[in-house]
PDB file of N, CA and C in Angstrom:
ATOM      1  N   MET A   1       1.473 -19.321  17.300  1.00  0.00           N
ATOM      2  CA  MET A   1       0.900 -18.688  18.338  1.00  0.00           C
ATOM      3  C   MET A   1       1.997 -18.302  19.377  1.00  0.00           C
ATOM      4  N   ILE A   2       3.119 -19.290  19.785  1.00  0.00           N
ATOM      5  CA  ILE A   2       4.198 -18.858  20.626  1.00  0.00           C
ATOM      6  C   ILE A   2       4.691 -17.636  20.107  1.00  0.00           C
ATOM      7  N   GLU A   3       5.158 -17.699  18.757  1.00  0.00           N
ATOM      8  CA  GLU A   3       5.839 -16.336  18.302  1.00  0.00           C
ATOM      9  C   GLU A   3       4.910 -15.133  18.482  1.00  0.00           C
ATOM     10  N   VAL A   4       3.665 -15.294  18.080  1.00  0.00           N
ATOM     11  CA  VAL A   4       2.720 -14.068  18.514  1.00  0.00           C
ATOM     12  C   VAL A   4       2.772 -13.459  20.032  1.00  0.00           C
ATOM     13  N   LEU A   5       2.896 -14.416  20.994  1.00  0.00           N
ATOM     14  CA  LEU A   5       2.922 -14.126  22.390  1.00  0.00           C
ATOM     15  C   LEU A   5       4.155 -13.718  22.701  1.00  0.00           C
ATOM     16  N   ARG A   6       5.132 -14.044  22.183  1.00  0.00           N
ATOM     17  CA  ARG A   6       6.461 -13.462  22.264  1.00  0.00           C
ATOM     18  C   ARG A   6       6.775 -12.027  21.740  1.00  0.00           C
ATOM     19  N   GLN A   7       6.003 -11.610  20.439  1.00  0.00           N
ATOM     20  CA  GLN A   7       6.097 -10.221  20.024  1.00  0.00           C
ATOM     21  C   GLN A   7       5.315  -9.491  20.919  1.00  0.00           C
ATOM     22  N   ARG A   8       4.349  -9.875  21.597  1.00  0.00           N
ATOM     23  CA  ARG A   8       3.392  -9.033  22.548  1.00  0.00           C
ATOM     24  C   ARG A   8       4.176  -8.775  23.681  1.00  0.00           C
ATOM     25  N   GLY A   9       5.611  -9.373  24.148  1.00  0.00           N
ATOM     26  CA  GLY A   9       6.205  -9.330  25.228  1.00  0.00           C
ATOM     27  C   GLY A   9       5.735 -10.282  26.255  1.00  0.00           C
ATOM     28  N   ILE A  10       4.996 -11.251  26.113  1.00  0.00           N
ATOM     29  CA  ILE A  10       4.814 -12.044  27.064  1.00  0.00           C
ATOM     30  C   ILE A  10       6.106 -12.990  27.567  1.00  0.00           C
ATOM     31  N   PRO A  11       6.550 -13.119  28.882  1.00  0.00           N
ATOM     32  CA  PRO A  11       7.449 -14.059  29.256  1.00  0.00           C
ATOM     33  C   PRO A  11       7.399 -15.407  28.662  1.00  0.00           C
ATOM     34  N   LEU A  12       8.297 -15.878  28.555  1.00  0.00           N
ATOM     35  CA  LEU A  12       8.610 -17.282  27.911  1.00  0.00           C
ATOM     36  C   LEU A  12       8.081 -18.345  29.024  1.00  0.00           C
ATOM     37  N   ALA A  13       7.907 -18.134  30.378  1.00  0.00           N
ATOM     38  CA  ALA A  13       7.528 -18.825  31.385  1.00  0.00           C
ATOM     39  C   ALA A  13       5.954 -18.654  31.221  1.00  0.00           C
ATOM     40  N   GLU A  14       5.455 -17.603  31.151  1.00  0.00           N
ATOM     41  CA  GLU A  14       4.035 -17.557  31.032  1.00  0.00           C
ATOM     42  C   GLU A  14       3.553 -18.243  29.803  1.00  0.00           C
ATOM     43  N   ILE A  15       4.334 -18.118  28.607  1.00  0.00           N
ATOM     44  CA  ILE A  15       3.710 -18.853  27.565  1.00  0.00           C
ATOM     45  C   ILE A  15       3.753 -20.271  27.877  1.00  0.00           C
ATOM     46  N   GLU A  16       4.746 -20.816  28.441  1.00  0.00           N
ATOM     47  CA  GLU A  16       4.795 -22.364  28.689  1.00  0.00           C
ATOM     48  C   GLU A  16       3.581 -22.635  29.620  1.00  0.00           C
ATOM     49  N   LYS A  17       3.269 -21.813  30.690  1.00  0.00           N
ATOM     50  CA  LYS A  17       2.157 -22.171  31.411  1.00  0.00           C
ATOM     51  C   LYS A  17       0.915 -22.032  30.673  1.00  0.00           C
ATOM     52  N   ARG A  18       0.727 -21.375  29.921  1.00  0.00           N
ATOM     53  CA  ARG A  18      -0.541 -21.191  28.919  1.00  0.00           C
ATOM     54  C   ARG A  18      -0.368 -22.374  27.799  1.00  0.00           C
ATOM     55  N   LYS A  19       0.670 -22.939  27.395  1.00  0.00           N
ATOM     56  CA  LYS A  19       0.594 -23.981  26.832  1.00  0.00           C
ATOM     57  C   LYS A  19       0.303 -25.314  27.376  1.00  0.00           C
ATOM     58  N   MET A  20       0.849 -25.345  28.562  1.00  0.00           N
ATOM     59  CA  MET A  20       0.379 -26.355  29.457  1.00  0.00           C
ATOM     60  C   MET A  20      -0.914 -26.624  29.929  1.00  0.00           C
ATOM     61  N   ARG A  21      -1.567 -25.391  30.165  1.00  0.00           N
ATOM     62  CA  ARG A  21      -2.994 -25.261  30.278  1.00  0.00           C
ATOM     63  C   ARG A  21      -3.825 -25.812  29.320  1.00  0.00           C
ATOM     64  N   TYR A  22      -3.472 -25.207  28.142  1.00  0.00           N
ATOM     65  CA  TYR A  22      -4.114 -25.580  26.716  1.00  0.00           C
ATOM     66  C   TYR A  22      -4.063 -26.904  26.430  1.00  0.00           C
ATOM     67  N   GLN A  23      -2.725 -27.653  26.629  1.00  0.00           N
ATOM     68  CA  GLN A  23      -2.751 -29.223  26.326  1.00  0.00           C
ATOM     69  C   GLN A  23      -3.450 -29.763  27.480  1.00  0.00           C
ATOM     70  N   LYS A  24      -3.459 -29.558  28.735  1.00  0.00           N
ATOM     71  CA  LYS A  24      -4.524 -30.096  29.732  1.00  0.00           C
ATOM     72  C   LYS A  24      -5.652 -30.228  29.316  1.00  0.00           C
ATOM     73  N   LYS A  25      -6.345 -29.142  28.801  1.00  0.00           N
ATOM     74  CA  LYS A  25      -7.806 -28.884  28.610  1.00  0.00           C
ATOM     75  C   LYS A  25      -8.003 -29.727  27.302  1.00  0.00           C
ATOM     76  N   ILE A  26      -6.989 -29.916  26.247  1.00  0.00           N
ATOM     77  CA  ILE A  26      -7.426 -30.717  25.110  1.00  0.00           C
ATOM     78  C   ILE A  26      -7.370 -32.169  25.536  1.00  0.00           C
ATOM     79  N   PHE A  27      -6.380 -32.813  26.358  1.00  0.00           N
ATOM     80  CA  PHE A  27      -6.324 -33.956  26.948  1.00  0.00           C
ATOM     81  C   PHE A  27      -7.784 -34.422  27.477  1.00  0.00           C
ATOM     82  N   GLU A  28      -8.250 -33.575  28.355  1.00  0.00           N
ATOM     83  CA  GLU A  28      -9.547 -33.717  29.240  1.00  0.00           C
ATOM     84  C   GLU A  28     -10.654 -33.936  28.260  1.00  0.00           C
ATOM     85  N   GLN A  29     -10.560 -32.909  27.314  1.00  0.00           N
ATOM     86  CA  GLN A  29     -11.776 -32.963  26.124  1.00  0.00           C
ATOM     87  C   GLN A  29     -11.864 -34.258  25.595  1.00  0.00           C
ATOM     88  N   LYS A  30     -10.654 -34.647  25.229  1.00  0.00           N
ATOM     89  CA  LYS A  30     -10.619 -35.834  24.344  1.00  0.00           C
ATOM     90  C   LYS A  30     -10.727 -37.173  25.116  1.00  0.00           C
ATOM     91  N   GLN A  31     -10.400 -37.176  26.463  1.00  0.00           N
ATOM     92  CA  GLN A  31     -10.757 -38.250  27.395  1.00  0.00           C
ATOM     93  C   GLN A  31     -12.294 -38.320  27.503  1.00  0.00           C
ATOM     94  N   SER A  32     -12.879 -37.295  27.658  1.00  0.00           N
ATOM     95  CA  SER A  32     -14.405 -37.135  27.879  1.00  0.00           C
ATOM     96  C   SER A  32     -15.055 -37.669  26.623  1.00  0.00           C
ATOM     97  N   GLU A  33     -14.669 -37.224  25.201  1.00  0.00           N
ATOM     98  CA  GLU A  33     -15.043 -37.825  24.111  1.00  0.00           C
ATOM     99  C   GLU A  33     -15.108 -39.059  24.034  1.00  0.00           C
ATOM    100  N   GLU A  34     -13.891 -39.403  24.400  1.00  0.00           N
ATOM    101  CA  GLU A  34     -13.477 -41.031  24.197  1.00  0.00           C
ATOM    102  C   GLU A  34     -14.583 -41.819  24.919  1.00  0.00           C
ATOM    103  N   LYS A  35     -14.686 -41.359  26.420  1.00  0.00           N
ATOM    104  CA  LYS A  35     -15.729 -42.132  27.299  1.00  0.00           C
ATOM    105  C   LYS A  35     -17.005 -42.036  26.714  1.00  0.00           C
ATOM    106  N   ALA A  36     -17.468 -41.039  26.162  1.00  0.00           N
ATOM    107  CA  ALA A  36     -18.735 -40.823  25.557  1.00  0.00           C
ATOM    108  C   ALA A  36     -19.045 -41.845  24.488  1.00  0.00           C
ATOM    109  N   MET A  37     -17.908 -41.597  23.623  1.00  0.00           N
ATOM    110  CA  MET A  37     -18.147 -42.785  22.336  1.00  0.00           C
ATOM    111  C   MET A  37     -18.151 -44.199  22.853  1.00  0.00           C
ATOM    112  N   ALA A  38     -17.386 -44.408  23.642  1.00  0.00           N
ATOM    113  CA  ALA A  38     -17.352 -45.991  24.175  1.00  0.00           C
ATOM    114  C   ALA A  38     -18.524 -46.359  24.704  1.00  0.00           C
ATOM    115  N   ASN A  39     -19.730 -45.721  25.142  1.00  0.00           N
ATOM    116  CA  ASN A  39     -20.839 -46.081  25.641  1.00  0.00           C
ATOM    117  C   ASN A  39     -21.874 -45.953  24.668  1.00  0.00           C
ATOM    118  N   LYS A  40     -21.462 -45.810  23.393  1.00  0.00           N
ATOM    119  CA  LYS A  40     -22.474 -45.872  22.079  1.00  0.00           C
ATOM    120  C   LYS A  40     -22.361 -47.116  21.249  1.00  0.00           C
ATOM    121  N   LYS A  41     -23.533 -47.480  20.790  1.00  0.00           N
ATOM    122  CA  LYS A  41     -23.303 -48.506  19.680  1.00  0.00           C
ATOM    123  C   LYS A  41     -23.347 -47.911  18.469  1.00  0.00           C
ATOM    124  N   TRP A  42     -22.193 -48.361  17.763  1.00  0.00           N
ATOM    125  CA  TRP A  42     -21.907 -47.671  16.259  1.00  0.00           C
ATOM    126  C   TRP A  42     -22.386 -48.538  15.246  1.00  0.00           C
ATOM    127  N   VAL A  43     -22.792 -47.895  14.070  1.00  0.00           N
ATOM    128  CA  VAL A  43     -23.341 -48.769  12.928  1.00  0.00           C
ATOM    129  C   VAL A  43     -22.709 -48.050  11.642  1.00  0.00           C
ATOM    130  N   GLN A  44     -22.411 -49.161  10.876  1.00  0.00           N
ATOM    131  CA  GLN A  44     -21.911 -48.664   9.498  1.00  0.00           C
ATOM    132  C   GLN A  44     -22.653 -47.930   8.675  1.00  0.00           C
ATOM    133  N   VAL A  45     -22.569 -46.586   8.179  1.00  0.00           N
ATOM    134  CA  VAL A  45     -23.520 -45.917   7.332  1.00  0.00           C
ATOM    135  C   VAL A  45     -23.118 -46.056   5.987  1.00  0.00           C
ATOM    136  N   LYS A  46     -21.940 -46.142   5.437  1.00  0.00           N
ATOM    137  CA  LYS A  46     -21.512 -46.259   4.230  1.00  0.00           C
ATOM    138  C   LYS A  46     -20.109 -47.049   4.040  1.00  0.00           C
ATOM    139  N   ASN A  47     -19.946 -47.492   2.792  1.00  0.00           N
ATOM    140  CA  ASN A  47     -18.460 -48.040   2.517  1.00  0.00           C
ATOM    141  C   ASN A  47     -18.182 -47.018   1.340  1.00  0.00           C
ATOM    142  N   PHE A  48     -17.062 -46.441   1.391  1.00  0.00           N
ATOM    143  CA  PHE A  48     -16.502 -45.745   0.454  1.00  0.00           C
ATOM    144  C   PHE A  48     -15.385 -46.399  -0.336  1.00  0.00           C
ATOM    145  N   PRO A  49     -15.287 -46.118  -1.561  1.00  0.00           N
ATOM    146  CA  PRO A  49     -13.900 -46.633  -2.385  1.00  0.00           C
ATOM    147  C   PRO A  49     -12.659 -45.953  -1.908  1.00  0.00           C
ATOM    148  N   SER A  50     -12.678 -44.695  -1.301  1.00  0.00           N
ATOM    149  CA  SER A  50     -11.487 -44.225  -1.012  1.00  0.00           C
ATOM    150  C   SER A  50     -11.473 -43.376   0.533  1.00  0.00           C
ATOM    151  N   ARG A  51     -10.417 -43.121   1.080  1.00  0.00           N
ATOM    152  CA  ARG A  51     -10.421 -42.309   2.042  1.00  0.00           C
ATOM    153  C   ARG A  51     -11.077 -40.951   1.852  1.00  0.00           C
ATOM    154  N   LEU A  52     -10.565 -40.387   0.693  1.00  0.00           N
ATOM    155  CA  LEU A  52     -10.984 -39.073   0.303  1.00  0.00           C
ATOM    156  C   LEU A  52     -12.423 -38.669   0.464  1.00  0.00           C
ATOM    157  N   PHE A  53     -13.193 -39.715  -0.132  1.00  0.00           N
ATOM    158  CA  PHE A  53     -14.724 -39.517  -0.098  1.00  0.00           C
ATOM    159  C   PHE A  53     -15.064 -39.670   1.368  1.00  0.00           C
ATOM    160  N   ALA A  54     -14.628 -40.666   2.079  1.00  0.00           N
ATOM    161  CA  ALA A  54     -15.016 -41.027   3.508  1.00  0.00           C
ATOM    162  C   ALA A  54     -14.613 -39.804   4.353  1.00  0.00           C
ATOM    163  N   GLU A  55     -13.438 -39.056   4.264  1.00  0.00           N
ATOM    164  CA  GLU A  55     -13.275 -37.850   5.031  1.00  0.00           C
ATOM    165  C   GLU A  55     -14.070 -36.740   4.545  1.00  0.00           C
ATOM    166  N   GLN A  56     -14.477 -36.739   3.250  1.00  0.00           N
ATOM    167  CA  GLN A  56     -15.628 -35.554   2.839  1.00  0.00           C
ATOM    168  C   GLN A  56     -17.074 -35.913   3.725  1.00  0.00           C
ATOM    169  N   ALA A  57     -17.304 -37.019   3.649  1.00  0.00           N
ATOM    170  CA  ALA A  57     -18.572 -37.371   4.375  1.00  0.00           C
ATOM    171  C   ALA A  57     -18.623 -37.216   5.805  1.00  0.00           C
ATOM    172  N   LYS A  58     -17.266 -37.504   6.403  1.00  0.00           N
ATOM    173  CA  LYS A  58     -17.293 -37.205   7.676  1.00  0.00           C
ATOM    174  C   LYS A  58     -17.556 -35.725   8.155  1.00  0.00           C
ATOM    175  N   GLU A  59     -16.652 -35.054   7.337  1.00  0.00           N
ATOM    176  CA  GLU A  59     -16.925 -33.458   7.410  1.00  0.00           C
ATOM    177  C   GLU A  59     -18.193 -33.095   7.491  1.00  0.00           C
ATOM    178  N   LEU A  60     -19.124 -33.446   6.490  1.00  0.00           N
ATOM    179  CA  LEU A  60     -20.504 -33.149   6.185  1.00  0.00           C
ATOM    180  C   LEU A  60     -21.042 -33.508   7.496  1.00  0.00           C
ATOM    181  N   LEU A  61     -20.998 -34.624   7.977  1.00  0.00           N
ATOM    182  CA  LEU A  61     -21.777 -35.146   9.062  1.00  0.00           C
ATOM    183  C   LEU A  61     -21.352 -34.226  10.322  1.00  0.00           C
ATOM    184  N   GLU A  62     -20.052 -33.943  10.581  1.00  0.00           N
ATOM    185  CA  GLU A  62     -19.608 -33.179  11.686  1.00  0.00           C
ATOM    186  C   GLU A  62     -20.304 -31.742  11.532  1.00  0.00           C
ATOM    187  N   ASN A  63     -20.427 -31.106  10.366  1.00  0.00           N
ATOM    188  CA  ASN A  63     -20.879 -30.026  10.340  1.00  0.00           C
ATOM    189  C   ASN A  63     -22.435 -29.834  10.402  1.00  0.00           C
ATOM    190  N   ASN A  64     -22.961 -31.193  10.633  1.00  0.00           N
ATOM    191  CA  ASN A  64     -24.535 -31.160  10.900  1.00  0.00           C
ATOM    192  C   ASN A  64     -24.724 -31.783  12.255  1.00  0.00           C
ATOM    193  N   GLY A  65     -23.663 -31.788  13.129  1.00  0.00           N
ATOM    194  CA  GLY A  65     -23.665 -32.264  14.571  1.00  0.00           C
ATOM    195  C   GLY A  65     -23.678 -33.765  14.764  1.00  0.00           C
ATOM    196  N   ILE A  66     -23.239 -34.437  13.796  1.00  0.00           N
ATOM    197  CA  ILE A  66     -23.049 -35.864  13.909  1.00  0.00           C
ATOM    198  C   ILE A  66     -21.713 -36.504  14.037  1.00  0.00           C
ATOM    199  N   ILE A  67     -21.438 -37.104  15.105  1.00  0.00           N
ATOM    200  CA  ILE A  67     -20.113 -37.353  15.045  1.00  0.00           C
ATOM    201  C   ILE A  67     -19.898 -38.945  14.323  1.00  0.00           C
ATOM    202  N   SER A  68     -18.566 -38.969  13.766  1.00  0.00           N
ATOM    203  CA  SER A  68     -18.453 -40.269  12.956  1.00  0.00           C
ATOM    204  C   SER A  68     -17.057 -40.980  13.190  1.00  0.00           C
ATOM    205  N   ILE A  69     -16.796 -41.907  12.926  1.00  0.00           N
ATOM    206  CA  ILE A  69     -15.367 -42.690  12.798  1.00  0.00           C
ATOM    207  C   ILE A  69     -15.280 -43.320  11.270  1.00  0.00           C
ATOM    208  N   ILE A  70     -14.061 -43.205  10.939  1.00  0.00           N
ATOM    209  CA  ILE A  70     -13.677 -43.806   9.561  1.00  0.00           C
ATOM    210  C   ILE A  70     -12.796 -44.995  10.079  1.00  0.00           C
ATOM    211  N   LYS A  71     -13.184 -46.260   9.526  1.00  0.00           N
ATOM    212  CA  LYS A  71     -12.259 -47.389   9.735  1.00  0.00           C
ATOM    213  C   LYS A  71     -12.029 -48.017   8.258  1.00  0.00           C
ATOM    214  N   GLY A  72     -10.692 -48.405   8.044  1.00  0.00           N
ATOM    215  CA  GLY A  72     -10.459 -49.107   6.938  1.00  0.00           C
ATOM    216  C   GLY A  72      -9.144 -49.715   6.820  1.00  0.00           C
ATOM    217  N   GLU A  73      -8.794 -50.656   5.828  1.00  0.00           N
ATOM    218  CA  GLU A  73      -7.611 -51.279   5.951  1.00  0.00           C
ATOM    219  C   GLU A  73      -6.267 -50.130   5.757  1.00  0.00           C
ATOM    220  N   ASP A  74      -6.651 -48.933   5.056  1.00  0.00           N
ATOM    221  CA  ASP A  74      -5.516 -48.073   4.742  1.00  0.00           C
ATOM    222  C   ASP A  74      -4.885 -47.359   6.034  1.00  0.00           C
ATOM    223  N   ILE A  75      -5.651 -47.612   7.281  1.00  0.00           N
ATOM    224  CA  ILE A  75      -5.043 -46.943   8.616  1.00  0.00           C
ATOM    225  C   ILE A  75      -4.667 -45.575   8.312  1.00  0.00           C
ATOM    226  N   GLY A  76      -5.391 -44.699   7.333  1.00  0.00           N
ATOM    227  CA  GLY A  76      -5.021 -43.345   6.982  1.00  0.00           C
ATOM    228  C   GLY A  76      -3.670 -43.093   6.540  1.00  0.00           C
ATOM    229  N   MET A  77      -3.156 -44.198   5.735  1.00  0.00           N
ATOM    230  CA  MET A  77      -1.645 -43.987   5.089  1.00  0.00           C
ATOM    231  C   MET A  77      -1.598 -43.009   4.153  1.00  0.00           C
ATOM    232  N   VAL A  78      -0.630 -42.245   4.183  1.00  0.00           N
ATOM    233  CA  VAL A  78      -0.454 -41.304   2.836  1.00  0.00           C
ATOM    234  C   VAL A  78       1.125 -41.200   2.532  1.00  0.00           C
ATOM    235  N   GLY A  79       1.351 -41.405   1.282  1.00  0.00           N
ATOM    236  CA  GLY A  79       2.896 -41.486   1.060  1.00  0.00           C
ATOM    237  C   GLY A  79       2.997 -41.800  -0.406  1.00  0.00           C
ATOM    238  N   PRO A  80       4.130 -41.854  -0.884  1.00  0.00           N
ATOM    239  CA  PRO A  80       4.334 -42.144  -2.316  1.00  0.00           C
ATOM    240  C   PRO A  80       3.518 -43.201  -2.610  1.00  0.00           C
ATOM    241  N   GLY A  81       2.574 -43.058  -3.855  1.00  0.00           N
ATOM    242  CA  GLY A  81       1.711 -44.009  -4.169  1.00  0.00           C
ATOM    243  C   GLY A  81       0.512 -44.409  -3.476  1.00  0.00           C
ATOM    244  N   VAL A  82       0.464 -43.920  -2.200  1.00  0.00           N
ATOM    245  CA  VAL A  82      -0.538 -44.027  -1.357  1.00  0.00           C
ATOM    246  C   VAL A  82      -1.195 -42.781  -0.889  1.00  0.00           C
ATOM    247  N   GLY A  83      -2.304 -42.481  -1.152  1.00  0.00           N
ATOM    248  CA  GLY A  83      -2.977 -41.205  -0.838  1.00  0.00           C
ATOM    249  C   GLY A  83      -4.206 -41.260  -0.492  1.00  0.00           C
ATOM    250  N   PHE A  84      -4.958 -39.908  -0.251  1.00  0.00           N
ATOM    251  CA  PHE A  84      -6.516 -40.169  -0.064  1.00  0.00           C
ATOM    252  C   PHE A  84      -7.383 -40.698  -1.130  1.00  0.00           C
ATOM    253  N   GLY A  85      -6.887 -40.546  -2.434  1.00  0.00           N
ATOM    254  CA  GLY A  85      -7.578 -40.836  -3.551  1.00  0.00           C
ATOM    255  C   GLY A  85      -7.513 -42.494  -3.860  1.00  0.00           C
ATOM    256  N   THR A  86      -6.729 -43.194  -3.096  1.00  0.00           N
ATOM    257  CA  THR A  86      -6.127 -44.415  -3.473  1.00  0.00           C
ATOM    258  C   THR A  86      -7.449 -45.215  -3.011  1.00  0.00           C
ATOM    259  N   SER A  87      -7.792 -46.073  -4.210  1.00  0.00           N
ATOM    260  CA  SER A  87      -8.885 -47.124  -3.446  1.00  0.00           C
ATOM    261  C   SER A  87      -8.322 -48.226  -2.817  1.00  0.00           C
ATOM    262  N   TRP A  88      -9.150 -48.830  -2.129  1.00  0.00           N
ATOM    263  CA  TRP A  88      -8.966 -50.219  -1.262  1.00  0.00           C
ATOM    264  C   TRP A  88      -9.711 -51.196  -1.793  1.00  0.00           C
ATOM    265  N   PRO A  89      -9.339 -52.424  -1.518  1.00  0.00           N
ATOM    266  CA  PRO A  89     -10.155 -53.512  -2.029  1.00  0.00           C
ATOM    267  C   PRO A  89     -11.432 -53.692  -1.275  1.00  0.00           C
ATOM    268  N   HIS A  90     -11.340 -53.408  -0.063  1.00  0.00           N
ATOM    269  CA  HIS A  90     -12.574 -53.716   0.841  1.00  0.00           C
ATOM    270  C   HIS A  90     -13.281 -52.078   1.132  1.00  0.00           C
ATOM    271  N   GLY A  91     -12.701 -51.114   0.696  1.00  0.00           N
ATOM    272  CA  GLY A  91     -13.202 -49.888   0.811  1.00  0.00           C
ATOM    273  C   GLY A  91     -12.829 -49.289   2.286  1.00  0.00           C
ATOM    274  N   ILE A  92     -13.584 -48.065   2.557  1.00  0.00           N
ATOM    275  CA  ILE A  92     -13.375 -47.318   3.864  1.00  0.00           C
ATOM    276  C   ILE A  92     -14.678 -47.108   4.229  1.00  0.00           C
ATOM    277  N   ASN A  93     -14.936 -47.597   5.561  1.00  0.00           N
ATOM    278  CA  ASN A  93     -16.141 -47.495   6.239  1.00  0.00           C
ATOM    279  C   ASN A  93     -16.319 -46.357   7.062  1.00  0.00           C
ATOM    280  N   LEU A  94     -17.765 -45.607   6.996  1.00  0.00           N
ATOM    281  CA  LEU A  94     -17.982 -44.529   7.978  1.00  0.00           C
ATOM    282  C   LEU A  94     -19.106 -45.050   8.736  1.00  0.00           C
ATOM    283  N   TRP A  95     -18.598 -44.981  10.153  1.00  0.00           N
ATOM    284  CA  TRP A  95     -19.479 -45.281  11.221  1.00  0.00           C
ATOM    285  C   TRP A  95     -20.020 -44.034  12.111  1.00  0.00           C
ATOM    286  N   VAL A  96     -21.351 -44.471  12.306  1.00  0.00           N
ATOM    287  CA  VAL A  96     -22.020 -43.258  13.315  1.00  0.00           C
ATOM    288  C   VAL A  96     -22.739 -43.803  14.307  1.00  0.00           C
ATOM    289  N   PRO A  97     -23.011 -43.194  15.492  1.00  0.00           N
ATOM    290  CA  PRO A  97     -23.890 -43.718  16.776  1.00  0.00           C
ATOM    291  C   PRO A  97     -25.118 -44.302  16.299  1.00  0.00           C
ATOM    292  N   GLU A  98     -25.610 -45.276  16.521  1.00  0.00           N
ATOM    293  CA  GLU A  98     -26.777 -46.003  16.128  1.00  0.00           C
ATOM    294  C   GLU A  98     -27.886 -44.821  16.274  1.00  0.00           C
ATOM    295  N   ASP A  99     -28.080 -43.805  17.351  1.00  0.00           N
ATOM    296  CA  ASP A  99     -28.959 -42.987  17.548  1.00  0.00           C
ATOM    297  C   ASP A  99     -29.104 -42.031  16.288  1.00  0.00           C
ATOM    298  N   ASP A 100     -27.956 -41.716  15.771  1.00  0.00           N
ATOM    299  CA  ASP A 100     -27.774 -40.632  14.582  1.00  0.00           C
ATOM    300  C   ASP A 100     -27.910 -41.451  12.980  1.00  0.00           C
ATOM    301  N   TYR A 101     -28.042 -42.742  12.990  1.00  0.00           N
ATOM    302  CA  TYR A 101     -28.022 -43.441  11.899  1.00  0.00           C
ATOM    303  C   TYR A 101     -29.059 -42.866  10.675  1.00  0.00           C
ATOM    304  N   GLN A 102     -30.216 -42.595  11.190  1.00  0.00           N
ATOM    305  CA  GLN A 102     -31.253 -42.150  10.121  1.00  0.00           C
ATOM    306  C   GLN A 102     -30.840 -40.767   9.543  1.00  0.00           C
ATOM    307  N   ASP A 103     -30.577 -39.838  10.374  1.00  0.00           N
ATOM    308  CA  ASP A 103     -30.101 -38.588   9.944  1.00  0.00           C
ATOM    309  C   ASP A 103     -28.742 -38.604   9.070  1.00  0.00           C
ATOM    310  N   ALA A 104     -28.021 -39.567   9.616  1.00  0.00           N
ATOM    311  CA  ALA A 104     -26.685 -39.586   8.918  1.00  0.00           C
ATOM    312  C   ALA A 104     -26.955 -40.146   7.453  1.00  0.00           C
ATOM    313  N   LYS A 105     -27.869 -41.159   7.153  1.00  0.00           N
ATOM    314  CA  LYS A 105     -27.961 -41.836   5.944  1.00  0.00           C
ATOM    315  C   LYS A 105     -28.666 -40.951   4.997  1.00  0.00           C
ATOM    316  N   ILE A 106     -29.459 -39.926   5.296  1.00  0.00           N
ATOM    317  CA  ILE A 106     -30.081 -38.967   4.624  1.00  0.00           C
ATOM    318  C   ILE A 106     -29.284 -38.093   4.023  1.00  0.00           C
ATOM    319  N   LEU A 107     -28.277 -37.792   4.848  1.00  0.00           N
ATOM    320  CA  LEU A 107     -27.232 -36.739   4.324  1.00  0.00           C
ATOM    321  C   LEU A 107     -26.247 -37.501   3.675  1.00  0.00           C
ATOM    322  N   ILE A 108     -25.896 -38.687   3.898  1.00  0.00           N
ATOM    323  CA  ILE A 108     -24.711 -39.224   2.907  1.00  0.00           C
ATOM    324  C   ILE A 108     -25.500 -39.757   1.719  1.00  0.00           C
ATOM    325  N   GLU A 109     -26.622 -40.257   1.572  1.00  0.00           N
ATOM    326  CA  GLU A 109     -27.368 -40.334   0.203  1.00  0.00           C
ATOM    327  C   GLU A 109     -27.452 -39.336  -0.400  1.00  0.00           C
ATOM    328  N   THR A 110     -27.859 -38.299   0.243  1.00  0.00           N
ATOM    329  CA  THR A 110     -28.006 -36.912  -0.517  1.00  0.00           C
ATOM    330  C   THR A 110     -26.915 -36.543  -1.262  1.00  0.00           C
ATOM    331  N   PHE A 111     -25.689 -36.667  -0.659  1.00  0.00           N
ATOM    332  CA  PHE A 111     -24.483 -36.011  -1.258  1.00  0.00           C
ATOM    333  C   PHE A 111     -23.658 -37.143  -1.899  1.00  0.00           C
ATOM    334  N   PHE A 112     -23.828 -38.403  -1.295  1.00  0.00           N
ATOM    335  CA  PHE A 112     -22.755 -39.342  -1.885  1.00  0.00           C
ATOM    336  C   PHE A 112     -23.478 -40.592  -2.428  1.00  0.00           C
ATOM    337  N   ASN A 113     -24.565 -40.418  -2.976  1.00  0.00           N
ATOM    338  CA  ASN A 113     -25.356 -41.567  -3.371  1.00  0.00           C
ATOM    339  C   ASN A 113     -24.952 -42.267  -4.555  1.00  0.00           C
ATOM    340  N   ASN A 114     -24.284 -41.668  -5.409  1.00  0.00           N
ATOM    341  CA  ASN A 114     -23.382 -42.456  -6.672  1.00  0.00           C
ATOM    342  C   ASN A 114     -22.085 -42.831  -6.492  1.00  0.00           C
ATOM    343  N   ILE A 115     -21.627 -42.958  -5.238  1.00  0.00           N
ATOM    344  CA  ILE A 115     -20.244 -43.153  -4.926  1.00  0.00           C
ATOM    345  C   ILE A 115     -20.200 -44.554  -4.422  1.00  0.00           C
TER     346      ILE A 115
END
């Protein structure tokens, strides 16, 4: 994005100001989301054998307006011999706010029932 702005002749000082405003906005949004999430009761909707499936389910829920959190022993590790498809002994858990549990359960069972 910075390169595009430079090509359009926008001075570097102005680009830096825009970048700082953007970063501040993102930070404030994240704080607001974290505060809202902390006030909710969370329930586990499904345990998946790998992060790959959990990430796909998370995306499905978010595309349907349901926020979710992934928790697991893998702590999101990716590297040689460790990746999204790696199975973990205790699996990877997908959590949703209690208020959204029923809708989330229907979506998850519809698309991930045999996993």
